[in-house]
């Protein structure tokens, strides 16, 4: 059994797949507590000043999450590709039932420089492949279902396998304990290490890492893929849906419209921040694909100004303004304000929602133009 596997998610990580993937990749890529971490706010490598309250390994986990999320292109969408509740999916080719297809996973492994195979519970060699990976010191990424508490649905819950002995699987679950209905956990409520018996019948998908290879995708290829994501035709349908909700919000439809509109910003408010953090760093698996310092500096300026620069009509701040128009803070965390239905019916609130959502769309358009100019 593999030891010292980092818990997840870390920081503001909310996507179950990328959080589990980052945890699985840390030991495979050779990260430990002594691995250098470039601190963008300080403009230098980490000196363990303690201001962030995290170890280097925790910070490197979050940076790996930033980089993988950005490289996949999913950080430039308005919804998670696996989210079947979204009618207008903005990741190219992600129809209902999309489940981390091989093209998606291939791109990420080519960025990292790792090889892999995939197996299901009914594959005859799945135990052998998992055991071989673990013997190399490589954790396995597995999708085992969930207990009704996973964002996007039970099918979206990924965990990290650290041991396999016959019918028993051991591993690291999310801190949210997605497997709580059918797995056993350590005594500590804060511990997400699990034991699962009869695992084969629950295994939907396993990404089994088989070795280290040279990264086989170029930085410009990744940028072109992001361009394709930002050009996805479904974005126009998404835009029409947003403005339609604003315009039609009245009477019995008002509360539902307010709920949907605040839910819709939940993804881009974090996703664009992760993307900007990845491109603003001077040392991670994504930006290290290129030696073109001028290109990377221009990309950092572009992403920073449009997505996270304070008081600059940046997407992160604008999304918070949208939230503050209709939302509040309750006992269960972020939730709609009690009078959200009344607010959204006011003409001045509708006008402000249109203005703010337009800024979010315009920022993506500006990033698209900037990427095209830099790549073409």
Protein backbone atom coordinates (compact mmCIF):
# COMPACT_ATOMS: atom_id res chain seq x y z
CA UNK A 1 0.00 0.00 0.00
CA UNK A 2 1.26 3.47 -0.89
CA UNK A 3 1.67 5.89 1.99
CA UNK A 4 1.67 9.69 2.39
CA UNK A 5 -0.83 10.35 -0.41
CA UNK A 6 -2.00 13.95 -0.11
CA UNK A 7 -5.62 14.69 0.73
CA UNK A 8 -7.79 16.51 -1.77
CA UNK A 9 -9.24 18.89 -2.71
CA UNK A 10 -6.78 21.61 -1.71
CA UNK A 11 -7.63 25.32 -1.58
CA UNK A 12 -10.32 26.37 -4.04
CA UNK A 13 -10.33 23.13 -6.03
CA UNK A 14 -13.91 22.11 -6.82
CA UNK A 15 -13.70 19.70 -9.77
CA UNK A 16 -13.55 16.11 -8.42
CA UNK A 17 -11.65 14.73 -11.42
CA UNK A 18 -8.83 17.27 -11.50
CA UNK A 19 -8.43 17.27 -7.71
CA UNK A 20 -8.05 13.47 -7.61
CA UNK A 21 -5.82 13.52 -10.70
CA UNK A 22 -3.46 16.05 -9.10
CA UNK A 23 -3.17 13.89 -5.97
CA UNK A 24 -2.45 10.77 -8.04
CA UNK A 25 0.17 12.52 -10.17
CA UNK A 26 2.18 14.13 -7.37
CA UNK A 27 4.24 11.02 -6.50
CA UNK A 28 4.39 9.88 -10.13
CA UNK A 29 5.92 13.20 -11.19
CA UNK A 30 8.28 13.21 -8.22
CA UNK A 31 6.73 15.93 -6.08
CA UNK A 32 7.41 15.92 -2.34
CA UNK A 33 7.64 18.46 0.48
CA UNK A 34 11.04 19.64 -0.77
CA UNK A 35 9.95 20.30 -4.37
CA UNK A 36 10.29 23.98 -5.24
CA UNK A 37 7.09 25.98 -5.69
CA UNK A 38 6.95 29.28 -7.58
CA UNK A 39 4.84 31.79 -5.65
CA UNK A 40 3.35 34.21 -8.19
CA UNK A 41 2.12 36.82 -5.65
CA UNK A 42 5.66 37.08 -4.22
CA UNK A 43 7.36 36.74 -7.61
CA UNK A 44 9.81 34.17 -6.25
CA UNK A 45 10.14 30.57 -5.20
CA UNK A 46 8.57 29.65 -1.88
CA UNK A 47 10.66 30.49 1.19
CA UNK A 48 8.17 28.92 3.64
CA UNK A 49 7.23 32.35 4.94
CA UNK A 50 3.98 30.87 6.24
CA UNK A 51 1.64 33.60 5.00
CA UNK A 52 -0.45 31.20 2.89
CA UNK A 53 -0.68 28.63 5.67
CA UNK A 54 0.22 25.76 3.34
CA UNK A 55 3.13 23.44 2.75
CA UNK A 56 4.98 23.41 -0.56
CA UNK A 57 3.36 20.10 -1.44
CA UNK A 58 -0.12 21.54 -0.90
CA UNK A 59 0.75 24.55 -3.06
CA UNK A 60 2.20 22.34 -5.78
CA UNK A 61 -0.98 20.27 -5.71
CA UNK A 62 -3.09 23.35 -6.36
CA UNK A 63 -0.71 24.54 -9.09
CA UNK A 64 -0.89 21.13 -10.74
CA UNK A 65 -4.68 21.43 -10.59
CA UNK A 66 -4.49 24.91 -12.17
CA UNK A 67 -2.26 23.66 -14.99
CA UNK A 68 -4.22 20.49 -15.77
CA UNK A 69 -7.55 22.32 -15.69
CA UNK A 70 -6.23 25.01 -18.05
CA UNK A 71 -4.51 22.57 -20.42
CA UNK A 72 -7.70 20.52 -20.76
CA UNK A 73 -9.58 23.59 -21.99
CA UNK A 74 -12.35 22.91 -19.46
CA UNK A 75 -11.31 25.98 -17.46
CA UNK A 76 -12.57 28.14 -20.34
CA UNK A 77 -16.08 26.65 -20.36
CA UNK A 78 -19.22 27.75 -18.56
CA UNK A 79 -19.96 24.25 -17.30
CA UNK A 80 -18.13 21.03 -16.52
CA UNK A 81 -18.11 18.73 -19.58
CA UNK A 82 -19.50 15.89 -17.42
CA UNK A 83 -22.40 17.96 -16.05
CA UNK A 84 -25.50 16.40 -17.60
CA UNK A 85 -27.76 19.00 -15.99
CA UNK A 86 -26.45 21.60 -18.45
CA UNK A 87 -28.35 21.71 -21.74
CA UNK A 88 -25.87 23.90 -23.62
CA UNK A 89 -22.52 22.27 -22.89
CA UNK A 90 -19.69 24.58 -23.88
CA UNK A 91 -16.92 21.98 -24.21
CA UNK A 92 -16.67 20.88 -27.87
CA UNK A 93 -18.09 17.41 -28.39
CA UNK A 94 -19.30 16.98 -24.81
CA UNK A 95 -22.79 15.61 -25.30
CA UNK A 96 -24.96 14.23 -22.51
CA UNK A 97 -23.22 11.22 -21.02
CA UNK A 98 -19.69 12.48 -21.76
CA UNK A 99 -17.29 10.78 -19.35
CA UNK A 100 -13.66 11.90 -19.67
CA UNK A 101 -13.07 10.38 -23.11
CA UNK A 102 -9.66 9.13 -24.24
CA UNK A 103 -8.90 12.28 -26.24
CA UNK A 104 -9.44 14.37 -23.10
CA UNK A 105 -7.26 12.13 -20.91
CA UNK A 106 -4.62 11.72 -23.64
CA UNK A 107 -4.09 15.47 -23.78
CA UNK A 108 -3.46 15.67 -20.05
CA UNK A 109 -1.08 12.70 -19.93
CA UNK A 110 0.85 14.08 -22.89
CA UNK A 111 1.30 17.36 -21.01
CA UNK A 112 2.52 15.53 -17.90
CA UNK A 113 4.67 12.98 -19.70
CA UNK A 114 3.00 9.83 -18.36
CA UNK A 115 1.60 6.75 -20.09
CA UNK A 116 -1.58 5.01 -19.01
CA UNK A 117 -4.22 2.40 -19.75
CA UNK A 118 -7.91 2.27 -18.81
CA UNK A 119 -9.86 -0.60 -17.34
CA UNK A 120 -13.32 -1.42 -16.00
CA UNK A 121 -14.28 -3.80 -13.23
CA UNK A 122 -15.19 -6.59 -15.66
CA UNK A 123 -11.85 -6.52 -17.51
CA UNK A 124 -10.00 -9.76 -16.81
CA UNK A 125 -6.63 -8.10 -16.21
CA UNK A 126 -7.79 -5.12 -14.15
CA UNK A 127 -6.38 -6.48 -10.86
CA UNK A 128 -3.06 -7.28 -12.52
CA UNK A 129 -2.78 -3.82 -14.09
CA UNK A 130 -3.63 -2.07 -10.82
CA UNK A 131 -1.13 -4.19 -8.88
CA UNK A 132 1.59 -3.49 -11.45
CA UNK A 133 0.99 0.26 -11.23
CA UNK A 134 1.03 0.24 -7.42
CA UNK A 135 4.26 -1.78 -7.41
CA UNK A 136 5.88 1.08 -9.32
CA UNK A 137 4.73 3.51 -6.64
CA UNK A 138 2.02 4.90 -8.91
CA UNK A 139 -1.46 5.55 -7.46
CA UNK A 140 -4.45 4.64 -9.63
CA UNK A 141 -7.31 6.98 -10.46
CA UNK A 142 -10.68 5.23 -10.10
CA UNK A 143 -14.35 6.03 -10.47
CA UNK A 144 -16.40 3.90 -8.08
CA UNK A 145 -19.69 5.75 -7.84
CA UNK A 146 -20.72 7.88 -4.88
CA UNK A 147 -23.26 8.29 -2.11
CA UNK A 148 -25.37 11.07 -3.56
CA UNK A 149 -23.07 13.85 -2.34
CA UNK A 150 -20.85 14.50 -5.37
CA UNK A 151 -21.09 17.66 -7.42
CA UNK A 152 -22.34 16.88 -10.97
CA UNK A 153 -23.64 13.47 -9.84
CA UNK A 154 -22.40 10.19 -8.42
CA UNK A 155 -20.77 9.26 -11.73
CA UNK A 156 -18.35 12.19 -11.30
CA UNK A 157 -16.72 10.97 -8.08
CA UNK A 158 -13.09 9.98 -8.57
CA UNK A 159 -10.81 8.55 -5.90
CA UNK A 160 -7.15 7.59 -5.64
CA UNK A 161 -6.31 3.90 -5.16
CA UNK A 162 -3.25 3.17 -3.02
CA UNK A 163 -3.57 -0.56 -2.34
CA UNK A 164 -5.24 -3.68 -3.72
CA UNK A 165 -5.42 -7.09 -2.06
CA UNK A 166 -7.77 -9.49 -3.79
CA UNK A 167 -11.32 -8.30 -3.22
CA UNK A 168 -10.24 -5.34 -1.09
CA UNK A 169 -9.29 -1.91 -2.37
CA UNK A 170 -7.65 0.81 -0.30
CA UNK A 171 -7.24 4.42 -1.20
CA UNK A 172 -7.75 8.11 -0.65
CA UNK A 173 -11.24 9.53 -1.16
CA UNK A 174 -12.14 13.19 -1.45
CA UNK A 175 -12.40 15.06 1.85
CA UNK A 176 -16.15 15.06 1.13
CA UNK A 177 -16.21 11.26 1.48
CA UNK A 178 -18.05 10.43 -1.72
CA UNK A 179 -17.86 6.69 -0.97
CA UNK A 180 -19.43 6.91 2.48
CA UNK A 181 -22.45 4.69 1.72
CA UNK A 182 -20.40 1.62 0.87
CA UNK A 183 -16.78 2.10 2.01
CA UNK A 184 -15.12 2.06 5.43
CA UNK A 185 -13.03 4.99 6.64
CA UNK A 186 -10.34 5.55 9.24
CA UNK A 187 -11.56 6.62 12.67
CA UNK A 188 -10.77 10.30 12.25
CA UNK A 189 -13.56 12.34 10.71
CA UNK A 190 -10.91 14.37 8.94
CA UNK A 191 -9.34 11.32 7.32
CA UNK A 192 -10.53 10.19 3.89
CA UNK A 193 -8.54 6.96 3.64
CA UNK A 194 -10.96 4.19 2.75
CA UNK A 195 -11.27 0.42 2.50
CA UNK A 196 -13.71 -1.05 -0.03
CA UNK A 197 -14.63 -4.72 -0.29
CA UNK A 198 -16.10 -6.12 -3.51
CA UNK A 199 -14.62 -3.28 -5.51
CA UNK A 200 -14.77 -4.87 -8.97
CA UNK A 201 -18.54 -4.66 -9.18
CA UNK A 202 -18.38 -0.94 -8.39
CA UNK A 203 -15.50 0.02 -10.67
CA UNK A 204 -16.81 2.15 -13.55
CA UNK A 205 -13.46 3.37 -14.82
CA UNK A 206 -9.81 3.20 -13.80
CA UNK A 207 -7.00 5.31 -15.22
CA UNK A 208 -3.89 3.25 -14.53
CA UNK A 209 -0.54 4.98 -14.98
CA UNK A 210 2.10 2.76 -16.55
CA UNK A 211 5.26 4.86 -16.82
CA UNK A 212 7.05 8.15 -17.44
CA UNK A 213 7.60 9.41 -20.98
CA UNK A 214 8.61 12.68 -22.56
CA UNK A 215 5.80 15.26 -22.80
CA UNK A 216 4.45 14.90 -26.33
CA UNK A 217 2.27 17.95 -26.83
CA UNK A 218 3.49 21.45 -27.65
CA UNK A 219 2.53 24.62 -25.84
CA UNK A 220 1.02 26.01 -29.03
CA UNK A 221 -1.07 22.87 -29.47
CA UNK A 222 -2.58 23.50 -26.06
CA UNK A 223 -3.25 27.14 -26.95
CA UNK A 224 -4.95 26.08 -30.19
CA UNK A 225 -7.13 23.68 -28.24
CA UNK A 226 -8.15 26.49 -25.88
CA UNK A 227 -9.01 28.58 -28.94
CA UNK A 228 -11.27 25.76 -30.16
CA UNK A 229 -13.00 25.68 -26.77
CA UNK A 230 -13.54 29.45 -26.80
CA UNK A 231 -15.00 29.15 -30.32
CA UNK A 232 -17.47 26.41 -29.35
CA UNK A 233 -20.80 27.13 -31.05
CA UNK A 234 -22.76 26.25 -27.90
CA UNK A 235 -21.46 29.42 -26.26
CA UNK A 236 -23.91 31.49 -28.30
CA UNK A 237 -26.77 29.26 -27.14
CA UNK A 238 -25.53 29.71 -23.59
CA UNK A 239 -25.47 33.49 -24.02
CA UNK A 240 -29.05 33.48 -25.33
CA UNK A 241 -30.12 31.32 -22.39
CA UNK A 242 -28.62 33.79 -19.91
CA UNK A 243 -30.24 36.86 -21.40
CA UNK A 244 -33.52 35.01 -21.89
CA UNK A 245 -33.59 34.15 -18.19
CA UNK A 246 -32.96 37.77 -17.28
CA UNK A 247 -35.62 39.13 -19.63
CA UNK A 248 -38.27 36.55 -18.70
CA UNK A 249 -37.76 36.71 -14.93
CA UNK A 250 -41.12 37.67 -13.47
CA UNK A 251 -43.88 36.26 -11.31
CA UNK A 252 -43.55 32.55 -10.61
CA UNK A 253 -40.46 32.32 -12.83
CA UNK A 254 -38.47 34.91 -10.88
CA UNK A 255 -37.07 32.69 -8.12
CA UNK A 256 -36.07 29.94 -10.54
CA UNK A 257 -34.40 32.47 -12.85
CA UNK A 258 -32.43 33.97 -9.95
CA UNK A 259 -31.34 30.51 -8.82
CA UNK A 260 -30.19 29.46 -12.29
CA UNK A 261 -28.37 32.74 -13.00
CA UNK A 262 -26.40 32.58 -9.76
CA UNK A 263 -25.67 28.89 -10.32
CA UNK A 264 -24.36 29.64 -13.81
CA UNK A 265 -21.59 31.88 -12.51
CA UNK A 266 -20.38 29.27 -10.03
CA UNK A 267 -18.29 27.54 -12.68
CA UNK A 268 -16.59 30.46 -14.51
CA UNK A 269 -15.84 32.39 -11.30
CA UNK A 270 -13.46 29.60 -10.27
CA UNK A 271 -12.51 28.12 -13.63
CA UNK A 272 -11.13 31.37 -15.10
CA UNK A 273 -9.21 32.01 -11.89
CA UNK A 274 -7.57 28.58 -12.15
CA UNK A 275 -6.70 29.25 -15.81
CA UNK A 276 -5.15 32.62 -15.02
CA UNK A 277 -3.13 31.20 -12.12
CA UNK A 278 -1.72 28.53 -14.43
CA UNK A 279 -0.59 30.98 -17.10
CA UNK A 280 0.66 33.60 -14.63
CA UNK A 281 3.03 31.14 -12.96
CA UNK A 282 6.62 30.93 -14.16
CA UNK A 283 7.04 27.27 -13.26
CA UNK A 284 4.49 24.51 -13.76
CA UNK A 285 3.97 21.57 -16.12
CA UNK A 286 2.00 23.70 -18.58
CA UNK A 287 4.16 26.81 -19.00
CA UNK A 288 7.31 24.67 -18.90
CA UNK A 289 6.30 23.23 -22.27
CA UNK A 290 7.57 26.45 -23.89
CA UNK A 291 10.88 28.32 -23.84
CA UNK A 292 9.31 31.39 -25.46
CA UNK A 293 9.45 33.79 -22.53
CA UNK A 294 7.96 36.66 -24.52
CA UNK A 295 4.93 34.57 -25.51
CA UNK A 296 4.40 33.41 -21.94
CA UNK A 297 4.69 36.95 -20.57
CA UNK A 298 2.04 38.19 -23.02
CA UNK A 299 -0.24 35.29 -22.11
CA UNK A 300 0.20 36.01 -18.41
CA UNK A 301 -0.72 39.67 -18.94
CA UNK A 302 -3.76 38.69 -21.04
CA UNK A 303 -5.12 36.15 -18.56
CA UNK A 304 -4.36 38.30 -15.53
CA UNK A 305 -6.03 41.44 -16.87
CA UNK A 306 -9.16 39.71 -18.14
CA UNK A 307 -9.71 37.16 -15.42
CA UNK A 308 -8.23 38.09 -12.03
CA UNK A 309 -6.84 41.66 -11.90
CA UNK A 310 -8.76 43.46 -9.17
CA UNK A 311 -10.93 46.46 -10.08
CA UNK A 312 -10.44 45.84 -13.80
CA UNK A 313 -13.87 44.46 -14.78
CA UNK A 314 -12.17 41.07 -14.60
CA UNK A 315 -14.29 37.92 -14.76
CA UNK A 316 -13.62 36.85 -11.18
CA UNK A 317 -14.71 40.17 -9.71
CA UNK A 318 -17.63 40.60 -12.11
CA UNK A 319 -19.01 37.18 -11.20
CA UNK A 320 -18.93 38.17 -7.54
CA UNK A 321 -20.91 41.29 -8.42
CA UNK A 322 -23.52 39.12 -10.16
CA UNK A 323 -23.70 36.97 -7.06
CA UNK A 324 -24.08 39.98 -4.77
CA UNK A 325 -27.06 41.22 -6.79
CA UNK A 326 -29.07 38.12 -5.93
CA UNK A 327 -27.19 36.09 -3.34
CA UNK A 328 -26.21 36.10 0.25
CA UNK A 329 -24.66 34.04 2.99
CA UNK A 330 -26.78 31.63 4.98
CA UNK A 331 -26.44 28.76 7.40
CA UNK A 332 -25.58 26.38 4.55
CA UNK A 333 -23.09 28.73 2.92
CA UNK A 334 -23.75 30.59 -0.30
CA UNK A 335 -27.45 30.76 -1.08
CA UNK A 336 -29.97 33.07 -2.67
CA UNK A 337 -31.06 36.12 -0.76
CA UNK A 338 -34.59 35.73 0.69
CA UNK A 339 -35.81 38.52 -1.59
CA UNK A 340 -33.95 37.36 -4.72
CA UNK A 341 -37.22 36.90 -6.64
CA UNK A 342 -38.24 40.48 -5.94
CA UNK A 343 -34.78 41.82 -6.78
CA UNK A 344 -34.55 40.17 -10.20
CA UNK A 345 -37.88 41.66 -11.25
CA UNK A 346 -36.55 45.19 -10.80
CA UNK A 347 -35.61 46.88 -14.07
CA UNK A 348 -32.35 48.29 -12.68
CA UNK A 349 -31.27 44.84 -11.47
CA UNK A 350 -32.09 43.29 -14.85
CA UNK A 351 -30.05 46.00 -16.58
CA UNK A 352 -27.10 45.45 -14.26
CA UNK A 353 -27.25 41.67 -14.76
CA UNK A 354 -27.14 42.15 -18.54
CA UNK A 355 -24.21 44.55 -18.22
CA UNK A 356 -22.23 42.26 -15.94
CA UNK A 357 -22.87 39.07 -17.89
CA UNK A 358 -21.85 40.93 -21.05
CA UNK A 359 -18.51 41.70 -19.38
CA UNK A 360 -17.98 38.01 -18.64
CA UNK A 361 -18.62 37.11 -22.28
CA UNK A 362 -16.52 40.03 -23.53
CA UNK A 363 -13.55 38.96 -21.42
CA UNK A 364 -13.60 35.53 -23.04
CA UNK A 365 -13.82 37.16 -26.46
CA UNK A 366 -10.81 39.32 -25.63
CA UNK A 367 -8.84 36.27 -24.50
CA UNK A 368 -9.82 34.48 -27.71
CA UNK A 369 -8.62 37.40 -29.85
CA UNK A 370 -5.40 37.63 -27.88
CA UNK A 371 -4.70 33.92 -28.23
CA UNK A 372 -5.34 34.01 -31.97
CA UNK A 373 -2.93 36.93 -32.37
CA UNK A 374 -0.23 35.16 -30.38
CA UNK A 375 -0.58 31.74 -32.00
CA UNK A 376 -1.30 32.58 -35.66
